[in-house]
Amino acid sequence: MAYCCQFNGLSNLSFTLNEPIVLIKTLLNKEPVMGVIVLDSEFYIEGVDRQITQLFGYSHKEFCGQALSLFIPGFDKEKYTVEPDILNTKEIEQQAKTKSGNVFGLAYDINEISQPEKTSYVVTIDELNAAPFDRDRRQPNASNHVQGHEWLTYLLRASPVVIYSCIPSGQYPTTFISENIERLTGYTPEQYLAAPSFWLEHLHPDDTEALLAEMSELFDTNKSLSYEYRFLCADGSYIWVLDKLKVSYDEQGNPSEMLGLWLDITQRKNDEALLTSANSLLKKKTGELEESNTELSQFTYVVSHDLKAPLRAIHSYCEWLSEDLDGKLESDQQEYITGMQEAVQEAEILIEDLLELSRVGRRSIKVESIDLTEFFMSLTRTVIVEDTVEIEVAESMPTIVVSPTILTQVFQNLITNAFLYNKSDKKSIKISGRESGDNYIVSIADNGIGIEEKYHDRVFQLFQRLHTKEQYEGTGIGLAIVHKAVMHLNWTIALHSSLNKGSTFSVAFPLEEIKS
């Protein structure tokens, strides 16, 4: 429901008008009235003037938000909804009721006021029969009529929308324009009216021809149509305007007047230009990213074939050399050859891990419905081959729709680490799931060596190892793969761990991703 305003006229309202020139002329030329009531789009009272409060005996606050039918019982808003043609045309006689319960007769008419955001209605009231108030207070006089002019003058000056009319032919000379045009363009109404070609001469040269061609459609319809173009202001700058136009016709059906509403849309146009520029930049960056991904794919091919090939050759040469010289090599010589073979194997593992990291999020993703309990039962059997490890997988975990490849990249590395970084005589890995707020959390907990809290962020970085290769196997890439895969899914991962007290990695995803 709208707020209620107190006013000594219509100066509190700022609006564009439906059939604007007709309404302005009607209100300016109307005989003196007893008072004015402003209604919102649902016909609830938004504001009243002082004469109305005196006439009905209610305060401004008591009018606020009330239905007009509370004061004029015979008023039927449905009638105006079903028969909108009676707006702006008829004066209706009804009985009204004061706060003290007295009834008196009055006549009123309703004019529609339209804004881009809402519609309002102005009710002008004339009293017919005697009412139980001081007659002098209720008697219309010339000052009321002057005040009506002042209201509308203020209204036209304060509104952000310029109202005008022009002759619908030739150079479209202006016949009326509201005073707020000066605030918008720097030109006075007198300047517009003095030069018949004023509007035409101030159009942007790049817009004129197309605009005039488009405006020809106005003469083929009874509807109002909108146009956007640039207009030259007094300071030499151009503004963008939205011009809503409608042609009026005389009794013979000839175009007699063109009515227009102007709204400054420069800010909107500037925002659109910025958005277009941003989209162009985004498109350019997307193209560069695609090109970069193509180059990365080519690099991946080179690494997987050209770089691994010589490594395999070195490994083979070492094997052949070891076989040919079997029994002839000194122990330290055999140790050198074995070291070379181990180094080659480490290099191959490192290359495979780097390739796996580069593939995260770049390969086409095929999603499937995956039962998490079954997934973890299968994955742990594949990753953990030792029977001595105690593995517990929670039952009744949900089914989610996700890429099995990325899901495996995440949890295979976590389960592998839970096994490798564990010195316990009885290794234990527990996989569980639970709801937490809007998320579902899957946790991989172990009773391994744990991680000091100061290293919790570091372990997810590339090539960050907390132990030597002699202590624990690995390349320092596994958790980087996990982190990248989790981020690609828009999930989150958290680590809870302390030294020698095991580790728990918790992966969270939205509940809405669970398949019902």
Protein backbone atom coordinates (compact mmCIF):
# COMPACT_ATOMS: atom_id res chain seq x y z
CA MET A 1 0.00 0.00 0.00
CA ALA A 2 1.32 3.47 -0.84
CA TYR A 3 2.36 6.05 1.73
CA CYS A 4 0.14 9.05 2.33
CA CYS A 5 1.37 12.53 1.69
CA GLN A 6 0.06 15.87 2.85
CA PHE A 7 0.17 18.63 0.30
CA ASN A 8 -1.30 21.96 -0.59
CA GLY A 9 -1.59 20.88 -4.18
CA LEU A 10 -0.10 18.22 -6.44
CA SER A 11 3.49 19.33 -5.92
CA ASN A 12 4.43 16.13 -4.13
CA LEU A 13 3.81 14.07 -7.24
CA SER A 14 6.19 13.55 -10.13
CA PHE A 15 4.82 11.64 -13.08
CA THR A 16 4.40 11.28 -16.78
CA LEU A 17 0.91 11.69 -18.13
CA ASN A 18 -1.31 9.45 -20.17
CA GLU A 19 -2.70 11.72 -22.87
CA PRO A 20 -0.64 14.47 -21.14
CA ILE A 21 -1.69 17.62 -22.95
CA VAL A 22 -5.38 16.74 -22.72
CA LEU A 23 -5.14 16.17 -18.97
CA ILE A 24 -3.16 19.32 -18.31
CA LYS A 25 -5.62 21.43 -20.25
CA THR A 26 -8.55 19.77 -18.48
CA LEU A 27 -7.19 20.46 -15.00
CA LEU A 28 -5.96 23.96 -15.78
CA ASN A 29 -9.24 25.02 -17.37
CA LYS A 30 -11.53 23.27 -14.87
CA GLU A 31 -13.89 25.36 -12.75
CA PRO A 32 -12.80 25.87 -9.13
CA VAL A 33 -13.04 22.64 -7.15
CA MET A 34 -13.67 21.78 -3.50
CA GLY A 35 -10.53 19.67 -3.21
CA VAL A 36 -8.25 17.01 -4.63
CA ILE A 37 -7.58 13.38 -3.63
CA VAL A 38 -4.70 11.33 -5.10
CA LEU A 39 -5.14 7.54 -5.37
CA ASP A 40 -2.58 4.82 -6.07
CA SER A 41 -2.99 2.16 -8.76
CA GLU A 42 -5.27 0.10 -6.46
CA PHE A 43 -7.45 3.18 -5.72
CA TYR A 44 -6.14 3.59 -2.17
CA ILE A 45 -5.55 7.14 -0.98
CA GLU A 46 -1.99 8.46 -1.33
CA GLY A 47 -2.65 12.10 -0.51
CA VAL A 48 -5.29 14.77 0.05
CA ASP A 49 -5.25 18.55 0.18
CA ARG A 50 -6.32 20.80 3.04
CA GLN A 51 -9.82 21.40 1.62
CA ILE A 52 -10.55 17.65 1.67
CA THR A 53 -9.59 17.33 5.35
CA GLN A 54 -11.91 20.23 6.16
CA LEU A 55 -14.73 18.87 4.04
CA PHE A 56 -14.72 15.33 5.49
CA GLY A 57 -13.44 16.09 8.99
CA TYR A 58 -10.57 13.59 8.93
CA SER A 59 -6.86 14.32 9.39
CA HIS A 60 -4.29 13.59 6.69
CA LYS A 61 -3.08 10.53 8.58
CA GLU A 62 -6.61 9.15 8.82
CA PHE A 63 -6.92 9.30 5.04
CA CYS A 64 -3.59 7.54 4.51
CA GLY A 65 -3.89 4.15 2.80
CA GLN A 66 -7.69 4.03 3.07
CA ALA A 67 -10.04 2.99 0.27
CA LEU A 68 -11.93 5.88 -1.31
CA SER A 69 -15.17 3.93 -0.73
CA LEU A 70 -14.78 4.53 3.03
CA PHE A 71 -15.51 8.21 2.41
CA ILE A 72 -17.63 7.90 -0.75
CA PRO A 73 -19.56 4.65 -0.14
CA GLY A 74 -20.91 4.47 -3.68
CA PHE A 75 -17.45 4.49 -5.27
CA ASP A 76 -16.76 1.21 -7.08
CA LYS A 77 -13.14 0.76 -8.18
CA GLU A 78 -14.07 -2.36 -10.17
CA LYS A 79 -16.11 -0.14 -12.47
CA TYR A 80 -12.99 1.77 -13.47
CA THR A 81 -11.09 -1.47 -13.99
CA VAL A 82 -13.77 -2.95 -16.22
CA GLU A 83 -14.68 0.33 -17.95
CA PRO A 84 -11.43 2.33 -18.16
CA ASP A 85 -12.99 4.60 -20.80
CA ILE A 86 -14.92 6.48 -18.11
CA LEU A 87 -11.62 7.78 -16.73
CA ASN A 88 -10.82 11.40 -17.67
CA THR A 89 -14.31 11.91 -19.14
CA LYS A 90 -17.27 11.72 -16.77
CA GLU A 91 -18.28 13.67 -13.70
CA ILE A 92 -20.07 11.35 -11.27
CA GLU A 93 -22.50 12.33 -8.52
CA GLN A 94 -22.37 10.40 -5.27
CA GLN A 95 -23.16 10.75 -1.60
CA ALA A 96 -20.24 11.21 0.78
CA LYS A 97 -19.96 10.60 4.50
CA THR A 98 -18.11 12.77 7.01
CA LYS A 99 -16.27 11.57 10.10
CA SER A 100 -19.22 12.57 12.28
CA GLY A 101 -21.57 10.47 10.15
CA ASN A 102 -23.26 13.27 8.21
CA VAL A 103 -24.05 12.61 4.56
CA PHE A 104 -23.82 15.14 1.77
CA GLY A 105 -23.84 15.07 -1.99
CA LEU A 106 -20.87 15.77 -4.21
CA ALA A 107 -19.69 15.36 -7.77
CA TYR A 108 -16.25 14.16 -8.76
CA ASP A 109 -14.25 13.06 -11.76
CA ILE A 110 -11.10 10.94 -11.99
CA ASN A 111 -8.08 11.54 -14.20
CA GLU A 112 -5.40 8.90 -14.73
CA ILE A 113 -1.71 9.73 -14.19
CA SER A 114 0.84 7.22 -15.49
CA GLN A 115 4.51 6.85 -14.54
CA PRO A 116 7.06 4.33 -15.78
CA GLU A 117 6.94 2.68 -12.34
CA LYS A 118 3.27 3.08 -11.40
CA THR A 119 -0.15 4.55 -12.17
CA SER A 120 -2.00 7.04 -9.96
CA TYR A 121 -5.39 8.78 -10.16
CA VAL A 122 -6.36 12.39 -9.34
CA VAL A 123 -9.91 12.83 -7.99
CA THR A 124 -11.25 16.39 -8.23
CA ILE A 125 -14.33 17.02 -6.07
CA ASP A 126 -17.21 19.54 -6.33
CA GLU A 127 -19.79 19.75 -3.54
CA LEU A 128 -23.48 19.76 -4.54
CA ASN A 129 -25.55 19.86 -1.37
CA ALA A 130 -25.02 21.59 1.94
CA ALA A 131 -22.59 19.89 4.29
CA PRO A 132 -22.37 20.31 8.08
CA PHE A 133 -19.39 22.63 7.96
CA ASP A 134 -18.87 26.36 7.81
CA ARG A 135 -20.04 27.34 4.35
CA ASP A 136 -17.29 29.92 4.00
CA ARG A 137 -14.67 27.22 4.51
CA ARG A 138 -16.16 25.14 1.72
CA GLN A 139 -16.98 27.83 -0.76
CA PRO A 140 -14.85 27.59 -3.94
CA ASN A 141 -13.16 30.80 -4.91
CA ALA A 142 -10.74 32.15 -7.43
CA SER A 143 -7.75 31.38 -5.20
CA ASN A 144 -8.54 27.67 -5.48
CA HIS A 145 -8.36 27.92 -9.25
CA VAL A 146 -5.09 29.84 -9.08
CA GLN A 147 -3.75 27.22 -6.70
CA GLY A 148 -4.65 24.51 -9.23
CA HIS A 149 -2.53 26.27 -11.82
CA GLU A 150 0.35 26.50 -9.33
CA TRP A 151 0.11 22.79 -8.56
CA LEU A 152 0.36 21.75 -12.15
CA THR A 153 3.08 24.27 -12.90
CA TYR A 154 5.14 22.85 -10.06
CA LEU A 155 4.31 19.33 -11.17
CA LEU A 156 5.53 19.95 -14.71
CA ARG A 157 8.66 21.70 -13.45
CA ALA A 158 9.62 19.03 -10.92
CA SER A 159 8.90 15.93 -12.97
CA PRO A 160 11.85 14.13 -14.62
CA VAL A 161 9.65 13.61 -17.66
CA VAL A 162 9.23 16.40 -20.21
CA ILE A 163 5.74 16.75 -21.67
CA TYR A 164 5.23 18.42 -25.01
CA SER A 165 3.06 18.68 -28.10
CA CYS A 166 3.87 19.56 -31.67
CA ILE A 167 2.35 19.79 -35.14
CA PRO A 168 2.63 16.31 -36.73
CA SER A 169 4.03 17.45 -40.08
CA GLY A 170 6.80 19.44 -41.71
CA GLN A 171 9.49 20.32 -39.21
CA TYR A 172 7.34 19.21 -36.25
CA PRO A 173 7.17 22.69 -34.66
CA THR A 174 6.57 22.64 -30.90
CA THR A 175 3.24 24.02 -29.65
CA PHE A 176 3.69 23.25 -25.95
CA ILE A 177 6.56 22.06 -23.77
CA SER A 178 6.86 21.78 -19.98
CA GLU A 179 9.25 24.00 -18.05
CA ASN A 180 11.50 21.15 -16.91
CA ILE A 181 12.96 21.04 -20.43
CA GLU A 182 15.33 23.82 -19.35
CA ARG A 183 16.76 21.68 -16.55
CA LEU A 184 17.23 18.80 -18.96
CA THR A 185 18.68 20.56 -22.03
CA GLY A 186 19.52 24.12 -20.95
CA TYR A 187 17.00 25.60 -23.41
CA THR A 188 13.90 27.49 -22.26
CA PRO A 189 10.39 26.64 -23.48
CA GLU A 190 10.34 30.00 -25.25
CA GLN A 191 13.34 28.97 -27.38
CA TYR A 192 11.55 25.81 -28.46
CA LEU A 193 8.35 27.66 -29.35
CA ALA A 194 10.11 30.50 -31.19
CA ALA A 195 11.83 28.37 -33.82
CA PRO A 196 9.61 25.91 -35.76
CA SER A 197 12.60 23.74 -36.68
CA PHE A 198 14.20 23.82 -33.20
CA TRP A 199 13.67 20.13 -32.41
CA LEU A 200 14.75 18.96 -35.85
CA GLU A 201 17.90 21.10 -35.88
CA HIS A 202 19.08 19.71 -32.53
CA LEU A 203 18.88 16.04 -33.40
CA HIS A 204 22.17 14.18 -33.72
CA PRO A 205 23.08 14.05 -37.43
CA ASP A 206 23.62 10.30 -37.24
CA ASP A 207 20.11 9.75 -35.82
CA THR A 208 17.95 12.15 -37.85
CA GLU A 209 17.28 10.17 -41.03
CA ALA A 210 16.55 6.87 -39.32
CA LEU A 211 14.37 8.53 -36.64
CA LEU A 212 12.17 10.37 -39.12
CA ALA A 213 11.76 7.21 -41.17
CA GLU A 214 10.70 5.25 -38.09
CA MET A 215 8.28 7.96 -36.95
CA SER A 216 6.20 7.46 -40.09
CA GLU A 217 4.69 4.40 -38.41
CA LEU A 218 2.96 6.68 -35.90
CA PHE A 219 0.40 7.61 -38.55
CA ASP A 220 -0.57 3.96 -39.08
CA THR A 221 -1.60 3.23 -35.48
CA ASN A 222 -3.61 4.67 -32.61
CA LYS A 223 -1.03 3.43 -30.13
CA SER A 224 1.84 5.38 -28.62
CA LEU A 225 5.32 4.35 -29.82
CA SER A 226 8.74 4.93 -28.29
CA TYR A 227 11.97 6.10 -29.92
CA GLU A 228 15.50 6.59 -28.64
CA TYR A 229 17.81 9.25 -30.06
CA ARG A 230 20.41 11.87 -29.16
CA PHE A 231 19.62 15.54 -28.64
CA LEU A 232 22.02 18.52 -28.58
CA CYS A 233 21.96 20.50 -25.31
CA ALA A 234 22.83 24.15 -24.77
CA ASP A 235 26.27 23.26 -23.37
CA GLY A 236 27.23 21.45 -26.58
CA SER A 237 26.81 17.92 -25.19
CA TYR A 238 24.38 15.28 -26.41
CA ILE A 239 21.96 13.42 -24.19
CA TRP A 240 20.04 10.26 -25.00
CA VAL A 241 16.27 10.60 -24.72
CA LEU A 242 13.41 8.13 -24.76
CA ASP A 243 10.58 9.83 -26.63
CA LYS A 244 7.10 8.29 -26.35
CA LEU A 245 4.83 9.72 -29.05
CA LYS A 246 1.17 9.51 -30.00
CA VAL A 247 -0.73 11.22 -32.79
CA SER A 248 -4.15 12.83 -32.15
CA TYR A 249 -6.69 13.22 -34.94
CA ASP A 250 -9.46 15.76 -35.57
CA GLU A 251 -13.11 14.95 -36.30
CA GLN A 252 -12.29 14.42 -39.98
CA GLY A 253 -9.60 11.89 -39.10
CA ASN A 254 -6.69 14.15 -40.00
CA PRO A 255 -3.57 14.31 -37.77
CA SER A 256 -3.99 17.40 -35.61
CA GLU A 257 -1.46 17.11 -32.81
CA MET A 258 1.42 14.93 -31.70
CA LEU A 259 1.81 14.37 -27.95
CA GLY A 260 5.17 13.38 -26.51
CA LEU A 261 6.92 12.34 -23.30
CA TRP A 262 10.67 12.81 -22.98
CA LEU A 263 12.82 10.94 -20.51
CA ASP A 264 16.60 11.30 -20.15
CA ILE A 265 18.14 7.82 -20.60
CA THR A 266 21.77 8.92 -20.96
CA GLN A 267 22.87 6.97 -17.89
CA ARG A 268 21.19 3.83 -19.18
CA LYS A 269 22.87 4.23 -22.55
CA ASN A 270 26.24 4.75 -20.90
CA ASP A 271 25.70 1.61 -18.83
CA GLU A 272 24.75 -0.31 -21.98
CA ALA A 273 27.93 0.92 -23.69
CA LEU A 274 30.01 -0.21 -20.72
CA LEU A 275 28.26 -3.57 -20.76
CA THR A 276 28.88 -3.93 -24.50
CA SER A 277 32.53 -3.07 -23.98
CA ALA A 278 32.77 -5.55 -21.11
CA ASN A 279 31.15 -8.26 -23.23
CA SER A 280 33.56 -7.54 -26.09
CA LEU A 281 36.50 -7.77 -23.69
CA LEU A 282 35.08 -10.98 -22.25
CA LYS A 283 34.68 -12.41 -25.73
CA LYS A 284 38.27 -11.46 -26.54
CA LYS A 285 39.58 -12.98 -23.31
CA THR A 286 37.52 -16.12 -23.90
CA GLY A 287 39.09 -16.46 -27.33
CA GLU A 288 42.55 -15.99 -25.85
CA LEU A 289 41.77 -18.58 -23.19
CA GLU A 290 40.58 -21.06 -25.80
CA GLU A 291 43.77 -20.44 -27.75
CA SER A 292 45.79 -20.93 -24.59
CA ASN A 293 43.98 -24.18 -23.86
CA THR A 294 44.71 -25.37 -27.38
CA GLU A 295 48.39 -24.60 -26.88
CA LEU A 296 48.29 -26.36 -23.52
CA SER A 297 46.74 -29.41 -25.17
CA GLN A 298 49.53 -29.39 -27.74
CA PHE A 299 52.07 -29.07 -24.93
CA THR A 300 50.43 -32.01 -23.16
CA TYR A 301 50.79 -34.07 -26.31
CA VAL A 302 54.46 -33.15 -26.59
CA VAL A 303 55.08 -34.04 -22.95
CA SER A 304 53.19 -37.32 -23.07
CA HIS A 305 54.93 -38.51 -26.23
CA ASP A 306 58.14 -36.67 -27.05
CA LEU A 307 59.39 -36.18 -23.47
CA LYS A 308 58.48 -39.61 -22.15
CA ALA A 309 59.97 -41.38 -25.16
CA PRO A 310 63.62 -40.59 -24.30
CA LEU A 311 62.97 -41.51 -20.67
CA ARG A 312 61.72 -44.90 -21.73
CA ALA A 313 64.79 -45.25 -23.95
CA ILE A 314 67.13 -44.45 -21.05
CA HIS A 315 65.32 -46.99 -18.90
CA SER A 316 65.65 -49.65 -21.64
CA TYR A 317 69.36 -48.90 -22.20
CA CYS A 318 69.97 -49.33 -18.48
CA GLU A 319 68.22 -52.69 -18.51
CA TRP A 320 70.18 -53.89 -21.55
CA LEU A 321 73.44 -52.66 -20.07
CA SER A 322 72.68 -54.41 -16.81
CA GLU A 323 71.85 -57.66 -18.62
CA ASP A 324 74.92 -57.55 -20.92
CA LEU A 325 77.29 -56.86 -18.04
CA ASP A 326 75.60 -59.14 -15.55
CA GLY A 327 78.24 -60.43 -13.15
CA LYS A 328 80.92 -58.14 -14.56
CA LEU A 329 79.93 -54.91 -12.80
CA GLU A 330 81.29 -53.70 -9.54
CA SER A 331 78.68 -53.18 -6.83
CA ASP A 332 78.93 -49.41 -7.06
CA GLN A 333 78.57 -49.56 -10.87
CA GLN A 334 75.40 -51.66 -10.52
CA GLU A 335 74.14 -49.15 -7.98
CA TYR A 336 74.63 -46.33 -10.50
CA ILE A 337 72.58 -48.17 -13.12
CA THR A 338 69.82 -48.93 -10.60
CA GLY A 339 69.79 -45.28 -9.51
CA MET A 340 69.39 -44.19 -13.12
CA GLN A 341 66.43 -46.52 -13.56
CA GLU A 342 64.78 -45.25 -10.36
CA ALA A 343 65.34 -41.65 -11.44
CA VAL A 344 63.69 -42.36 -14.80
CA GLN A 345 60.70 -43.95 -13.04
CA GLU A 346 60.35 -40.92 -10.76
CA ALA A 347 60.49 -38.61 -13.79
CA GLU A 348 57.75 -40.63 -15.52
CA ILE A 349 55.55 -40.50 -12.42
CA LEU A 350 56.13 -36.75 -12.15
CA ILE A 351 55.18 -36.27 -15.80
CA GLU A 352 52.01 -38.34 -15.33
CA ASP A 353 51.02 -36.29 -12.29
CA LEU A 354 51.62 -33.01 -14.13
CA LEU A 355 49.56 -34.27 -17.05
CA GLU A 356 46.76 -35.23 -14.67
CA LEU A 357 46.84 -31.77 -13.09
CA SER A 358 46.68 -30.09 -16.52
CA ARG A 359 43.69 -32.21 -17.52
CA VAL A 360 41.50 -31.15 -14.58
CA GLY A 361 38.55 -29.22 -15.98
CA ARG A 362 39.84 -29.24 -19.58
CA ARG A 363 38.46 -32.54 -20.77
CA SER A 364 34.82 -32.81 -21.76
CA ILE A 365 32.83 -33.65 -18.68
CA LYS A 366 30.35 -36.51 -18.77
CA VAL A 367 28.23 -36.57 -15.65
CA GLU A 368 26.56 -39.61 -14.15
CA SER A 369 24.42 -40.51 -11.18
CA ILE A 370 26.86 -41.89 -8.61
CA ASP A 371 25.93 -43.62 -5.39
CA LEU A 372 28.65 -42.39 -3.03
CA THR A 373 28.63 -45.48 -0.83
CA GLU A 374 29.14 -47.78 -3.81
CA PHE A 375 31.69 -45.37 -5.30
CA PHE A 376 33.88 -45.41 -2.19
CA MET A 377 33.57 -49.18 -1.72
CA SER A 378 34.87 -49.67 -5.27
CA LEU A 379 37.54 -46.97 -5.08
CA THR A 380 39.06 -48.19 -1.83
CA ARG A 381 39.33 -51.75 -3.20
CA THR A 382 41.25 -50.34 -6.18
CA VAL A 383 43.55 -47.98 -4.26
CA ILE A 384 44.21 -49.98 -1.08
CA VAL A 385 45.51 -53.47 -1.85
CA GLU A 386 46.79 -54.34 1.62
CA ASP A 387 44.46 -56.43 3.73
CA THR A 388 45.89 -55.01 6.94
CA VAL A 389 44.25 -51.59 6.44
CA GLU A 390 40.94 -51.15 8.26
CA ILE A 391 38.55 -49.34 5.94
CA GLU A 392 35.13 -48.10 7.05
CA VAL A 393 32.70 -46.66 4.50
CA ALA A 394 29.45 -45.16 5.78
CA GLU A 395 26.27 -46.71 4.47
CA SER A 396 23.33 -44.86 2.94
CA MET A 397 25.34 -41.95 1.58
CA PRO A 398 23.38 -40.07 -1.11
CA THR A 399 23.51 -40.28 -4.89
CA ILE A 400 24.85 -37.22 -6.73
CA VAL A 401 25.14 -36.28 -10.39
CA VAL A 402 28.78 -35.52 -11.12
CA SER A 403 31.67 -36.36 -13.42
CA PRO A 404 33.09 -39.72 -12.27
CA THR A 405 36.51 -38.68 -13.59
CA ILE A 406 36.73 -35.54 -11.45
CA LEU A 407 35.22 -37.29 -8.44
CA THR A 408 37.90 -39.97 -8.74
CA GLN A 409 40.64 -37.33 -9.05
CA VAL A 410 39.53 -35.84 -5.74
CA PHE A 411 39.07 -38.88 -3.58
CA GLN A 412 41.65 -41.22 -5.07
CA ASN A 413 44.41 -38.83 -4.03
CA LEU A 414 42.92 -38.31 -0.56
CA ILE A 415 42.57 -42.04 0.08
CA THR A 416 46.08 -42.72 -1.28
CA ASN A 417 47.56 -40.11 1.06
CA ALA A 418 45.60 -41.52 4.01
CA PHE A 419 47.34 -44.84 3.34
CA LEU A 420 50.84 -43.63 2.46
CA TYR A 421 51.34 -41.08 5.25
CA ASN A 422 50.60 -43.55 8.02
CA LYS A 423 53.07 -45.34 10.30
CA SER A 424 50.49 -47.00 12.53
CA ASP A 425 50.72 -50.73 13.04
CA LYS A 426 47.01 -50.89 12.31
CA LYS A 427 46.18 -48.34 9.64
CA SER A 428 42.60 -47.04 9.66
CA ILE A 429 40.68 -45.03 7.06
CA LYS A 430 37.13 -43.88 7.76
CA ILE A 431 34.89 -42.42 5.04
CA SER A 432 31.70 -40.74 6.27
CA GLY A 433 29.05 -38.26 5.17
CA ARG A 434 26.71 -35.83 6.92
CA GLU A 435 24.49 -32.83 6.28
CA SER A 436 25.62 -29.44 7.56
CA GLY A 437 23.37 -26.46 6.83
CA ASP A 438 22.91 -26.22 3.07
CA ASN A 439 25.82 -28.59 2.36
CA TYR A 440 26.63 -32.28 2.43
CA ILE A 441 30.12 -33.07 3.73
CA VAL A 442 32.16 -36.14 2.85
CA SER A 443 35.10 -36.73 5.21
CA ILE A 444 38.20 -38.91 4.74
CA ALA A 445 39.74 -39.52 8.19
CA ASP A 446 42.91 -41.50 8.99
CA ASN A 447 45.11 -42.30 11.96
CA GLY A 448 48.30 -41.33 10.15
CA ILE A 449 51.15 -38.96 10.91
CA GLY A 450 49.01 -35.82 10.74
CA ILE A 451 49.97 -32.34 9.55
CA GLU A 452 50.99 -29.37 11.64
CA GLU A 453 48.45 -26.56 11.46
CA LYS A 454 50.97 -24.08 10.05
CA TYR A 455 51.28 -26.26 6.94
CA HIS A 456 47.54 -26.71 6.28
CA ASP A 457 47.42 -24.19 3.40
CA ARG A 458 50.80 -25.16 2.02
CA VAL A 459 49.91 -28.81 1.36
CA PHE A 460 47.48 -27.83 -1.41
CA GLN A 461 50.18 -25.97 -3.35
CA LEU A 462 52.07 -27.49 -6.26
CA PHE A 463 55.32 -29.36 -5.43
CA GLN A 464 54.96 -28.65 -1.71
CA ARG A 465 56.31 -31.64 0.18
CA LEU A 466 56.64 -31.80 3.95
CA HIS A 467 58.86 -34.89 3.89
CA THR A 468 61.77 -36.23 1.87
CA LYS A 469 61.36 -38.88 -0.81
CA GLU A 470 63.28 -41.28 1.40
CA GLN A 471 60.63 -40.90 4.10
CA TYR A 472 57.51 -41.01 1.91
CA GLU A 473 56.85 -41.50 -1.78
CA GLY A 474 55.14 -38.85 -3.87
CA THR A 475 55.68 -35.87 -6.15
CA GLY A 476 53.96 -33.10 -4.19
CA ILE A 477 51.22 -32.80 -6.82
CA GLY A 478 48.43 -35.02 -5.45
CA LEU A 479 46.74 -32.49 -3.18
CA ALA A 480 47.16 -29.77 -5.82
CA ILE A 481 45.11 -31.99 -8.15
CA VAL A 482 42.52 -32.45 -5.38
CA HIS A 483 42.26 -28.70 -4.77
CA LYS A 484 41.96 -27.84 -8.46
CA ALA A 485 39.29 -30.51 -9.03
CA VAL A 486 37.28 -29.36 -6.00
CA MET A 487 37.41 -25.74 -7.18
CA HIS A 488 36.33 -26.81 -10.66
CA LEU A 489 33.19 -28.38 -9.16
CA ASN A 490 32.53 -25.23 -7.09
CA TRP A 491 32.89 -27.34 -3.97
CA THR A 492 35.07 -26.62 -0.94
CA ILE A 493 37.69 -28.62 0.95
CA ALA A 494 38.88 -28.25 4.53
CA LEU A 495 41.67 -29.92 6.51
CA HIS A 496 41.52 -30.78 10.21
CA SER A 497 44.77 -32.23 11.48
CA SER A 498 47.56 -31.99 14.00
CA LEU A 499 50.94 -33.68 14.17
CA ASN A 500 50.82 -37.41 15.03
CA LYS A 501 47.03 -37.32 15.51
CA GLY A 502 45.81 -38.19 12.04
CA SER A 503 44.12 -36.07 9.37
CA THR A 504 40.57 -35.46 8.21
CA PHE A 505 39.93 -33.95 4.78
CA SER A 506 36.31 -32.72 4.41
CA VAL A 507 34.83 -32.04 0.98
CA ALA A 508 31.54 -30.08 0.96
CA PHE A 509 29.01 -29.70 -1.84
CA PRO A 510 25.48 -28.16 -1.93
CA LEU A 511 22.55 -30.33 -0.88
CA GLU A 512 20.81 -29.33 -4.08
CA GLU A 513 23.29 -31.49 -6.02
CA ILE A 514 21.95 -34.61 -4.31
CA LYS A 515 19.70 -36.62 -6.60
CA SER A 516 16.35 -37.15 -4.93
